Amino acid sequence: TIFKRYNESTQKEALPPMKEHLIVLDLDGTLLTDEKVISQLTKETLFKAKQAGHQVMIATGRPYRASQLYYNELGLTTPIVNFNGALIHHPKNPMWQTIHTTVDLHVVHDVVESVHKYEYDNLIAEVMDDVYIHREDDGALQMFHMGSPNILMGDLTHTLNQDPTSLLIHADDANTVIIRQHLQDVHAELIEHRRWGAPFPIIEIVRKGLSKAVGIDHIAKEMGIPRDRIIAFGDEDNDLEMIEYAGVGVAMNNGIAELKNIANEITLSNNEDGIARILQERLKL
């Protein structure tokens, strides 16, 4: 009798199975700690989410070669968004149609010419895994060493001869504001520009209309997961569209104020397992 009562009570208290969610992770300042690693608790929580039937994916400004390490560490089998939406692909499924959207070469040359009047450290163009660096710069070489890309040094107006995936402008914080205003005033109809945070102050330029949200929308529709079951985590300027798009947009506590203002939730920082905290609560892990 006691067993029967216990069994009946547990059946009444049993929760219905959680519907499949899509968990979207930015890398720097979000999934990764300041030491550029995934903490043990966050990793374990993401594994539990996958075991419970949820999908986990990465959406980053990094190229794939610089995000593959973390993709593999989490044992992911999902598509990934790289270059802030300029590359949408599936590393594990060659039959999945890759979407690679480039910036028109003439536009890039116009931007390069127009920013010469401002102070900047360097210009870098990326064509998938080929990196073109405008000025010889040990710092730039260090920044792009991950994944062993092909690197070519020299004036971009001469060396770059094909439409790039993205163009990066490396400048200090003060000049970043000035250059971004110029890009908005002169080139807004053709390009999107976003700011990277620490450790490198970078302006990233991609084709107009691209963002992480565009890539996530495409992938979520392929998976049949509606927006209200998308949980996205971010911390920077290039996460704004993604956080606004997701059913649950989560800003890290270390994130910028603009992102926190539009987020549905603010969690602990990237060094305090903020992702794990939200997923444990939301998905009952």
C-alpha atoms as a PDB file:
ATOM      1  CA  THR A   1       0.000   0.000   0.000  1.00  0.00           C
ATOM      2  CA  ILE A   2       2.808   2.380   0.909  1.00  0.00           C
ATOM      3  CA  PHE A   3       4.575   1.600  -2.372  1.00  0.00           C
ATOM      4  CA  LYS A   4       1.340   2.145  -4.308  1.00  0.00           C
ATOM      5  CA  ARG A   5       0.743   5.542  -2.686  1.00  0.00           C
ATOM      6  CA  TYR A   6       4.338   6.589  -3.346  1.00  0.00           C
ATOM      7  CA  ASN A   7       4.093   5.472  -6.965  1.00  0.00           C
ATOM      8  CA  GLU A   8       0.821   7.344  -7.483  1.00  0.00           C
ATOM      9  CA  SER A   9       2.219  10.530  -5.906  1.00  0.00           C
ATOM     10  CA  THR A  10       5.340  10.487  -8.064  1.00  0.00           C
ATOM     11  CA  GLN A  11       3.212   9.995 -11.184  1.00  0.00           C
ATOM     12  CA  LYS A  12       1.113  13.029 -10.291  1.00  0.00           C
ATOM     13  CA  GLU A  13       4.223  15.134  -9.717  1.00  0.00           C
ATOM     14  CA  ALA A  14       5.992  13.993 -12.889  1.00  0.00           C
ATOM     15  CA  LEU A  15       6.539  16.862 -15.331  1.00  0.00           C
ATOM     16  CA  PRO A  16       5.792  16.505 -19.049  1.00  0.00           C
ATOM     17  CA  PRO A  17       8.897  16.066 -21.196  1.00  0.00           C
ATOM     18  CA  MET A  18      10.611  19.345 -22.090  1.00  0.00           C
ATOM     19  CA  LYS A  19      10.181  20.345 -25.738  1.00  0.00           C
ATOM     20  CA  GLU A  20      13.323  20.508 -27.868  1.00  0.00           C
ATOM     21  CA  HIS A  21      15.158  23.833 -27.514  1.00  0.00           C
ATOM     22  CA  LEU A  22      17.967  25.341 -29.560  1.00  0.00           C
ATOM     23  CA  ILE A  23      20.775  26.722 -27.382  1.00  0.00           C
ATOM     24  CA  VAL A  24      22.948  29.268 -29.204  1.00  0.00           C
ATOM     25  CA  LEU A  25      26.363  30.192 -27.837  1.00  0.00           C
ATOM     26  CA  ASP A  26      28.645  33.089 -28.641  1.00  0.00           C
ATOM     27  CA  LEU A  27      32.264  32.222 -27.880  1.00  0.00           C
ATOM     28  CA  ASP A  28      34.449  35.066 -26.600  1.00  0.00           C
ATOM     29  CA  GLY A  29      33.149  36.620 -23.409  1.00  0.00           C
ATOM     30  CA  THR A  30      30.249  34.143 -23.292  1.00  0.00           C
ATOM     31  CA  LEU A  31      30.984  30.428 -23.559  1.00  0.00           C
ATOM     32  CA  LEU A  32      34.701  30.995 -23.005  1.00  0.00           C
ATOM     33  CA  THR A  33      36.183  32.314 -19.789  1.00  0.00           C
ATOM     34  CA  ASP A  34      38.773  35.077 -19.942  1.00  0.00           C
ATOM     35  CA  GLU A  35      41.361  32.281 -20.191  1.00  0.00           C
ATOM     36  CA  LYS A  36      39.656  31.120 -23.425  1.00  0.00           C
ATOM     37  CA  VAL A  37      38.467  27.803 -21.989  1.00  0.00           C
ATOM     38  CA  ILE A  38      35.055  26.254 -21.330  1.00  0.00           C
ATOM     39  CA  SER A  39      34.532  25.772 -17.606  1.00  0.00           C
ATOM     40  CA  GLN A  40      33.779  22.290 -16.339  1.00  0.00           C
ATOM     41  CA  LEU A  41      30.316  23.129 -14.976  1.00  0.00           C
ATOM     42  CA  THR A  42      29.230  24.849 -18.186  1.00  0.00           C
ATOM     43  CA  LYS A  43      30.501  21.925 -20.254  1.00  0.00           C
ATOM     44  CA  GLU A  44      28.717  19.363 -18.075  1.00  0.00           C
ATOM     45  CA  THR A  45      25.485  21.374 -18.239  1.00  0.00           C
ATOM     46  CA  LEU A  46      25.634  21.569 -22.038  1.00  0.00           C
ATOM     47  CA  PHE A  47      26.197  17.808 -22.229  1.00  0.00           C
ATOM     48  CA  LYS A  48      23.144  17.305 -19.996  1.00  0.00           C
ATOM     49  CA  ALA A  49      21.119  19.571 -22.280  1.00  0.00           C
ATOM     50  CA  LYS A  50      22.099  17.485 -25.299  1.00  0.00           C
ATOM     51  CA  GLN A  51      21.281  14.266 -23.461  1.00  0.00           C
ATOM     52  CA  ALA A  52      17.846  15.709 -22.649  1.00  0.00           C
ATOM     53  CA  GLY A  53      17.195  16.154 -26.381  1.00  0.00           C
ATOM     54  CA  HIS A  54      18.105  19.807 -26.873  1.00  0.00           C
ATOM     55  CA  GLN A  55      20.263  21.171 -29.691  1.00  0.00           C
ATOM     56  CA  VAL A  56      23.440  23.175 -28.996  1.00  0.00           C
ATOM     57  CA  MET A  57      25.142  25.362 -31.591  1.00  0.00           C
ATOM     58  CA  ILE A  58      27.787  28.092 -31.842  1.00  0.00           C
ATOM     59  CA  ALA A  59      27.309  31.532 -33.440  1.00  0.00           C
ATOM     60  CA  THR A  60      30.516  33.550 -33.515  1.00  0.00           C
ATOM     61  CA  GLY A  61      32.407  36.266 -35.317  1.00  0.00           C
ATOM     62  CA  ARG A  62      35.386  33.917 -35.513  1.00  0.00           C
ATOM     63  CA  PRO A  63      36.167  31.868 -38.611  1.00  0.00           C
ATOM     64  CA  TYR A  64      35.555  28.142 -38.296  1.00  0.00           C
ATOM     65  CA  ARG A  65      39.272  27.349 -37.984  1.00  0.00           C
ATOM     66  CA  ALA A  66      39.311  29.391 -34.738  1.00  0.00           C
ATOM     67  CA  SER A  67      36.117  27.847 -33.343  1.00  0.00           C
ATOM     68  CA  GLN A  68      36.615  24.198 -34.354  1.00  0.00           C
ATOM     69  CA  LEU A  69      38.458  23.408 -31.113  1.00  0.00           C
ATOM     70  CA  TYR A  70      35.395  24.309 -29.026  1.00  0.00           C
ATOM     71  CA  TYR A  71      32.944  22.746 -31.497  1.00  0.00           C
ATOM     72  CA  ASN A  72      34.782  19.441 -31.076  1.00  0.00           C
ATOM     73  CA  GLU A  73      35.222  19.818 -27.319  1.00  0.00           C
ATOM     74  CA  LEU A  74      31.438  20.030 -26.909  1.00  0.00           C
ATOM     75  CA  GLY A  75      30.914  17.105 -29.289  1.00  0.00           C
ATOM     76  CA  LEU A  76      28.601  19.184 -31.463  1.00  0.00           C
ATOM     77  CA  THR A  77      26.850  17.759 -34.505  1.00  0.00           C
ATOM     78  CA  THR A  78      24.934  20.916 -35.475  1.00  0.00           C
ATOM     79  CA  PRO A  79      25.489  23.629 -38.085  1.00  0.00           C
ATOM     80  CA  ILE A  80      27.542  26.652 -37.027  1.00  0.00           C
ATOM     81  CA  VAL A  81      27.439  30.375 -37.767  1.00  0.00           C
ATOM     82  CA  ASN A  82      30.869  31.926 -38.410  1.00  0.00           C
ATOM     83  CA  PHE A  83      31.978  35.414 -39.433  1.00  0.00           C
ATOM     84  CA  ASN A  84      28.843  36.896 -37.790  1.00  0.00           C
ATOM     85  CA  GLY A  85      26.557  35.278 -40.336  1.00  0.00           C
ATOM     86  CA  ALA A  86      28.724  35.509 -43.462  1.00  0.00           C
ATOM     87  CA  LEU A  87      29.345  31.745 -43.273  1.00  0.00           C
ATOM     88  CA  ILE A  88      26.609  29.269 -42.328  1.00  0.00           C
ATOM     89  CA  HIS A  89      27.656  25.638 -42.660  1.00  0.00           C
ATOM     90  CA  HIS A  90      27.618  22.149 -41.166  1.00  0.00           C
ATOM     91  CA  PRO A  91      31.082  20.751 -40.342  1.00  0.00           C
ATOM     92  CA  LYS A  92      29.735  17.210 -39.877  1.00  0.00           C
ATOM     93  CA  ASN A  93      27.425  17.039 -42.889  1.00  0.00           C
ATOM     94  CA  PRO A  94      28.896  17.758 -46.346  1.00  0.00           C
ATOM     95  CA  MET A  95      25.407  17.401 -47.864  1.00  0.00           C
ATOM     96  CA  TRP A  96      24.169  20.421 -45.877  1.00  0.00           C
ATOM     97  CA  GLN A  97      24.233  23.453 -48.165  1.00  0.00           C
ATOM     98  CA  THR A  98      26.850  25.984 -47.097  1.00  0.00           C
ATOM     99  CA  ILE A  99      25.896  29.654 -47.337  1.00  0.00           C
ATOM    100  CA  HIS A 100      28.926  31.901 -47.848  1.00  0.00           C
ATOM    101  CA  THR A 101      28.120  35.590 -48.397  1.00  0.00           C
ATOM    102  CA  THR A 102      30.988  37.913 -49.276  1.00  0.00           C
ATOM    103  CA  VAL A 103      31.602  41.660 -49.437  1.00  0.00           C
ATOM    104  CA  ASP A 104      31.995  43.123 -52.923  1.00  0.00           C
ATOM    105  CA  LEU A 105      35.690  43.722 -53.630  1.00  0.00           C
ATOM    106  CA  HIS A 106      35.061  47.225 -54.990  1.00  0.00           C
ATOM    107  CA  VAL A 107      33.309  48.148 -51.738  1.00  0.00           C
ATOM    108  CA  VAL A 108      36.264  46.834 -49.717  1.00  0.00           C
ATOM    109  CA  HIS A 109      38.719  48.882 -51.774  1.00  0.00           C
ATOM    110  CA  ASP A 110      36.540  51.975 -51.273  1.00  0.00           C
ATOM    111  CA  VAL A 111      36.490  51.390 -47.511  1.00  0.00           C
ATOM    112  CA  VAL A 112      40.261  50.854 -47.404  1.00  0.00           C
ATOM    113  CA  GLU A 113      40.866  54.097 -49.300  1.00  0.00           C
ATOM    114  CA  SER A 114      38.391  56.083 -47.209  1.00  0.00           C
ATOM    115  CA  VAL A 115      39.746  55.072 -43.772  1.00  0.00           C
ATOM    116  CA  HIS A 116      43.344  56.074 -44.582  1.00  0.00           C
ATOM    117  CA  LYS A 117      42.650  59.543 -43.198  1.00  0.00           C
ATOM    118  CA  TYR A 118      41.946  58.036 -39.770  1.00  0.00           C
ATOM    119  CA  GLU A 119      44.355  56.484 -37.312  1.00  0.00           C
ATOM    120  CA  TYR A 120      44.235  52.694 -37.224  1.00  0.00           C
ATOM    121  CA  ASP A 121      46.688  49.898 -36.472  1.00  0.00           C
ATOM    122  CA  ASN A 122      45.915  47.556 -39.336  1.00  0.00           C
ATOM    123  CA  LEU A 123      43.442  46.255 -41.900  1.00  0.00           C
ATOM    124  CA  ILE A 124      42.806  42.544 -42.312  1.00  0.00           C
ATOM    125  CA  ALA A 125      40.687  40.840 -44.950  1.00  0.00           C
ATOM    126  CA  GLU A 126      39.620  37.210 -44.687  1.00  0.00           C
ATOM    127  CA  VAL A 127      38.557  34.969 -47.553  1.00  0.00           C
ATOM    128  CA  MET A 128      37.511  31.879 -45.635  1.00  0.00           C
ATOM    129  CA  ASP A 129      40.925  30.576 -44.456  1.00  0.00           C
ATOM    130  CA  ASP A 130      43.067  33.024 -46.417  1.00  0.00           C
ATOM    131  CA  VAL A 131      44.125  36.080 -44.416  1.00  0.00           C
ATOM    132  CA  TYR A 132      45.365  39.295 -46.040  1.00  0.00           C
ATOM    133  CA  ILE A 133      47.173  41.710 -43.694  1.00  0.00           C
ATOM    134  CA  HIS A 134      47.664  45.293 -44.872  1.00  0.00           C
ATOM    135  CA  ARG A 135      50.741  46.118 -42.765  1.00  0.00           C
ATOM    136  CA  GLU A 136      53.407  43.861 -41.303  1.00  0.00           C
ATOM    137  CA  ASP A 137      52.363  43.395 -37.717  1.00  0.00           C
ATOM    138  CA  ASP A 138      53.403  40.743 -35.176  1.00  0.00           C
ATOM    139  CA  GLY A 139      50.238  41.430 -33.179  1.00  0.00           C
ATOM    140  CA  ALA A 140      48.040  40.683 -36.180  1.00  0.00           C
ATOM    141  CA  LEU A 141      49.970  37.496 -36.873  1.00  0.00           C
ATOM    142  CA  GLN A 142      49.407  36.386 -33.290  1.00  0.00           C
ATOM    143  CA  MET A 143      45.715  37.244 -33.544  1.00  0.00           C
ATOM    144  CA  PHE A 144      45.211  35.031 -36.596  1.00  0.00           C
ATOM    145  CA  HIS A 145      47.554  32.118 -35.921  1.00  0.00           C
ATOM    146  CA  MET A 146      44.799  29.726 -34.774  1.00  0.00           C
ATOM    147  CA  GLY A 147      43.970  27.106 -37.395  1.00  0.00           C
ATOM    148  CA  SER A 148      47.097  27.782 -39.475  1.00  0.00           C
ATOM    149  CA  PRO A 149      45.562  30.027 -42.161  1.00  0.00           C
ATOM    150  CA  ASN A 150      47.302  31.109 -45.347  1.00  0.00           C
ATOM    151  CA  ILE A 151      48.649  34.623 -44.655  1.00  0.00           C
ATOM    152  CA  LEU A 152      49.644  37.230 -47.234  1.00  0.00           C
ATOM    153  CA  MET A 153      51.164  40.607 -46.297  1.00  0.00           C
ATOM    154  CA  GLY A 154      50.836  43.803 -48.308  1.00  0.00           C
ATOM    155  CA  ASP A 155      48.611  46.691 -49.359  1.00  0.00           C
ATOM    156  CA  LEU A 156      45.081  45.279 -49.639  1.00  0.00           C
ATOM    157  CA  THR A 157      44.332  47.364 -52.717  1.00  0.00           C
ATOM    158  CA  HIS A 158      47.015  45.319 -54.500  1.00  0.00           C
ATOM    159  CA  THR A 159      47.039  41.912 -52.783  1.00  0.00           C
ATOM    160  CA  LEU A 160      43.299  41.325 -52.332  1.00  0.00           C
ATOM    161  CA  ASN A 161      41.803  40.302 -55.664  1.00  0.00           C
ATOM    162  CA  GLN A 162      38.592  38.502 -54.688  1.00  0.00           C
ATOM    163  CA  ASP A 163      35.484  39.287 -52.651  1.00  0.00           C
ATOM    164  CA  PRO A 164      36.350  38.705 -48.963  1.00  0.00           C
ATOM    165  CA  THR A 165      34.210  37.082 -46.307  1.00  0.00           C
ATOM    166  CA  SER A 166      34.952  39.969 -43.964  1.00  0.00           C
ATOM    167  CA  LEU A 167      37.157  43.027 -43.508  1.00  0.00           C
ATOM    168  CA  LEU A 168      38.595  43.919 -40.109  1.00  0.00           C
ATOM    169  CA  ILE A 169      39.858  47.304 -38.958  1.00  0.00           C
ATOM    170  CA  HIS A 170      42.137  47.187 -35.919  1.00  0.00           C
ATOM    171  CA  ALA A 171      42.105  50.545 -34.088  1.00  0.00           C
ATOM    172  CA  ASP A 172      42.155  51.788 -30.528  1.00  0.00           C
ATOM    173  CA  ASP A 173      38.874  52.482 -28.719  1.00  0.00           C
ATOM    174  CA  ALA A 174      38.853  56.230 -29.419  1.00  0.00           C
ATOM    175  CA  ASN A 175      39.454  55.855 -33.151  1.00  0.00           C
ATOM    176  CA  THR A 176      37.035  52.924 -33.392  1.00  0.00           C
ATOM    177  CA  VAL A 177      34.172  55.288 -32.566  1.00  0.00           C
ATOM    178  CA  ILE A 178      35.293  57.803 -35.217  1.00  0.00           C
ATOM    179  CA  ILE A 179      35.801  55.163 -37.919  1.00  0.00           C
ATOM    180  CA  ARG A 180      32.459  53.503 -37.230  1.00  0.00           C
ATOM    181  CA  GLN A 181      30.703  56.837 -37.572  1.00  0.00           C
ATOM    182  CA  HIS A 182      32.441  57.343 -40.919  1.00  0.00           C
ATOM    183  CA  LEU A 183      31.383  53.886 -42.099  1.00  0.00           C
ATOM    184  CA  GLN A 184      27.813  54.639 -41.079  1.00  0.00           C
ATOM    185  CA  ASP A 185      27.827  57.981 -42.889  1.00  0.00           C
ATOM    186  CA  VAL A 186      29.466  56.803 -46.121  1.00  0.00           C
ATOM    187  CA  HIS A 187      28.990  53.052 -46.549  1.00  0.00           C
ATOM    188  CA  ALA A 188      25.831  52.164 -44.588  1.00  0.00           C
ATOM    189  CA  GLU A 189      23.877  51.008 -47.640  1.00  0.00           C
ATOM    190  CA  LEU A 190      26.401  48.297 -48.531  1.00  0.00           C
ATOM    191  CA  ILE A 191      27.957  46.979 -45.321  1.00  0.00           C
ATOM    192  CA  GLU A 192      27.290  46.035 -41.699  1.00  0.00           C
ATOM    193  CA  HIS A 193      29.942  46.949 -39.148  1.00  0.00           C
ATOM    194  CA  ARG A 194      30.263  45.693 -35.604  1.00  0.00           C
ATOM    195  CA  ARG A 195      32.733  45.996 -32.789  1.00  0.00           C
ATOM    196  CA  TRP A 196      34.684  43.198 -31.160  1.00  0.00           C
ATOM    197  CA  GLY A 197      35.569  43.560 -27.504  1.00  0.00           C
ATOM    198  CA  ALA A 198      38.715  42.588 -25.612  1.00  0.00           C
ATOM    199  CA  PRO A 199      41.430  41.544 -26.113  1.00  0.00           C
ATOM    200  CA  PHE A 200      41.495  43.189 -29.566  1.00  0.00           C
ATOM    201  CA  PRO A 201      39.513  46.348 -30.412  1.00  0.00           C
ATOM    202  CA  ILE A 202      38.301  45.433 -33.894  1.00  0.00           C
ATOM    203  CA  ILE A 203      35.655  46.732 -36.291  1.00  0.00           C
ATOM    204  CA  GLU A 204      34.328  43.862 -38.404  1.00  0.00           C
ATOM    205  CA  ILE A 205      32.706  44.574 -41.757  1.00  0.00           C
ATOM    206  CA  VAL A 206      30.425  42.105 -43.571  1.00  0.00           C
ATOM    207  CA  ARG A 207      27.864  42.445 -46.343  1.00  0.00           C
ATOM    208  CA  LYS A 208      24.754  44.483 -45.623  1.00  0.00           C
ATOM    209  CA  GLY A 209      21.945  42.490 -44.017  1.00  0.00           C
ATOM    210  CA  LEU A 210      24.100  39.839 -42.368  1.00  0.00           C
ATOM    211  CA  SER A 211      24.108  39.030 -38.661  1.00  0.00           C
ATOM    212  CA  LYS A 212      24.222  36.034 -36.374  1.00  0.00           C
ATOM    213  CA  ALA A 213      20.418  36.181 -36.238  1.00  0.00           C
ATOM    214  CA  VAL A 214      20.185  35.550 -40.001  1.00  0.00           C
ATOM    215  CA  GLY A 215      22.218  32.369 -39.642  1.00  0.00           C
ATOM    216  CA  ILE A 216      20.352  31.178 -36.567  1.00  0.00           C
ATOM    217  CA  ASP A 217      16.991  31.750 -38.260  1.00  0.00           C
ATOM    218  CA  HIS A 218      18.060  29.610 -41.218  1.00  0.00           C
ATOM    219  CA  ILE A 219      19.334  26.796 -38.990  1.00  0.00           C
ATOM    220  CA  ALA A 220      16.356  26.858 -36.618  1.00  0.00           C
ATOM    221  CA  LYS A 221      13.936  26.554 -39.536  1.00  0.00           C
ATOM    222  CA  GLU A 222      15.919  23.602 -40.881  1.00  0.00           C
ATOM    223  CA  MET A 223      15.590  21.973 -37.444  1.00  0.00           C
ATOM    224  CA  GLY A 224      11.920  22.865 -37.071  1.00  0.00           C
ATOM    225  CA  ILE A 225      12.512  24.738 -33.805  1.00  0.00           C
ATOM    226  CA  PRO A 226      10.426  27.926 -33.345  1.00  0.00           C
ATOM    227  CA  ARG A 227      11.898  31.189 -32.074  1.00  0.00           C
ATOM    228  CA  ASP A 228      10.205  30.879 -28.703  1.00  0.00           C
ATOM    229  CA  ARG A 229      12.314  27.779 -28.031  1.00  0.00           C
ATOM    230  CA  ILE A 230      15.630  29.415 -28.879  1.00  0.00           C
ATOM    231  CA  ILE A 231      17.874  30.427 -25.955  1.00  0.00           C
ATOM    232  CA  ALA A 232      20.798  32.592 -27.072  1.00  0.00           C
ATOM    233  CA  PHE A 233      23.738  33.853 -25.017  1.00  0.00           C
ATOM    234  CA  GLY A 234      25.965  36.819 -25.877  1.00  0.00           C
ATOM    235  CA  ASP A 235      27.956  39.729 -24.526  1.00  0.00           C
ATOM    236  CA  GLU A 236      28.942  42.132 -27.316  1.00  0.00           C
ATOM    237  CA  ASP A 237      27.851  44.481 -30.068  1.00  0.00           C
ATOM    238  CA  ASN A 238      27.780  41.670 -32.634  1.00  0.00           C
ATOM    239  CA  ASP A 239      25.243  39.770 -30.487  1.00  0.00           C
ATOM    240  CA  LEU A 240      22.534  42.450 -30.519  1.00  0.00           C
ATOM    241  CA  GLU A 241      20.442  41.031 -33.376  1.00  0.00           C
ATOM    242  CA  MET A 242      20.816  37.476 -32.041  1.00  0.00           C
ATOM    243  CA  ILE A 243      19.673  38.385 -28.536  1.00  0.00           C
ATOM    244  CA  GLU A 244      16.718  40.332 -29.896  1.00  0.00           C
ATOM    245  CA  TYR A 245      15.771  37.502 -32.259  1.00  0.00           C
ATOM    246  CA  ALA A 246      15.843  34.634 -29.745  1.00  0.00           C
ATOM    247  CA  GLY A 247      12.781  33.728 -27.721  1.00  0.00           C
ATOM    248  CA  VAL A 248      15.022  33.987 -24.675  1.00  0.00           C
ATOM    249  CA  GLY A 249      17.920  36.352 -25.242  1.00  0.00           C
ATOM    250  CA  VAL A 250      20.439  36.213 -22.400  1.00  0.00           C
ATOM    251  CA  ALA A 251      23.150  38.816 -21.816  1.00  0.00           C
ATOM    252  CA  MET A 252      26.212  37.904 -19.797  1.00  0.00           C
ATOM    253  CA  ASN A 253      26.865  40.139 -16.801  1.00  0.00           C
ATOM    254  CA  ASN A 254      30.177  41.128 -18.397  1.00  0.00           C
ATOM    255  CA  GLY A 255      28.287  42.218 -21.527  1.00  0.00           C
ATOM    256  CA  ILE A 256      27.798  45.724 -22.884  1.00  0.00           C
ATOM    257  CA  ALA A 257      24.973  47.904 -21.565  1.00  0.00           C
ATOM    258  CA  GLU A 258      23.153  48.021 -24.918  1.00  0.00           C
ATOM    259  CA  LEU A 259      22.853  44.234 -24.929  1.00  0.00           C
ATOM    260  CA  LYS A 260      21.622  44.071 -21.341  1.00  0.00           C
ATOM    261  CA  ASN A 261      18.954  46.647 -22.170  1.00  0.00           C
ATOM    262  CA  ILE A 262      17.315  44.430 -24.799  1.00  0.00           C
ATOM    263  CA  ALA A 263      17.952  41.003 -23.224  1.00  0.00           C
ATOM    264  CA  ASN A 264      15.176  38.956 -21.632  1.00  0.00           C
ATOM    265  CA  GLU A 265      17.558  37.928 -18.884  1.00  0.00           C
ATOM    266  CA  ILE A 266      20.976  38.867 -17.522  1.00  0.00           C
ATOM    267  CA  THR A 267      23.038  36.033 -16.114  1.00  0.00           C
ATOM    268  CA  LEU A 268      26.347  35.697 -14.301  1.00  0.00           C
ATOM    269  CA  SER A 269      29.555  36.519 -16.155  1.00  0.00           C
ATOM    270  CA  ASN A 270      31.506  34.248 -18.479  1.00  0.00           C
ATOM    271  CA  ASN A 271      33.849  33.508 -15.556  1.00  0.00           C
ATOM    272  CA  GLU A 272      30.975  32.511 -13.236  1.00  0.00           C
ATOM    273  CA  ASP A 273      29.139  29.838 -15.263  1.00  0.00           C
ATOM    274  CA  GLY A 274      26.373  32.194 -16.342  1.00  0.00           C
ATOM    275  CA  ILE A 275      25.306  29.855 -19.152  1.00  0.00           C
ATOM    276  CA  ALA A 276      25.010  26.863 -16.818  1.00  0.00           C
ATOM    277  CA  ARG A 277      22.871  28.816 -14.368  1.00  0.00           C
ATOM    278  CA  ILE A 278      20.264  29.797 -16.966  1.00  0.00           C
ATOM    279  CA  LEU A 279      20.087  26.364 -18.591  1.00  0.00           C
ATOM    280  CA  GLN A 280      19.743  24.582 -15.258  1.00  0.00           C
ATOM    281  CA  GLU A 281      16.792  26.820 -14.383  1.00  0.00           C
ATOM    282  CA  ARG A 282      15.124  27.027 -17.796  1.00  0.00           C
ATOM    283  CA  LEU A 283      15.534  23.417 -18.893  1.00  0.00           C
ATOM    284  CA  LYS A 284      15.325  21.785 -15.442  1.00  0.00           C
ATOM    285  CA  LEU A 285      18.725  20.156 -15.853  1.00  0.00           C
END
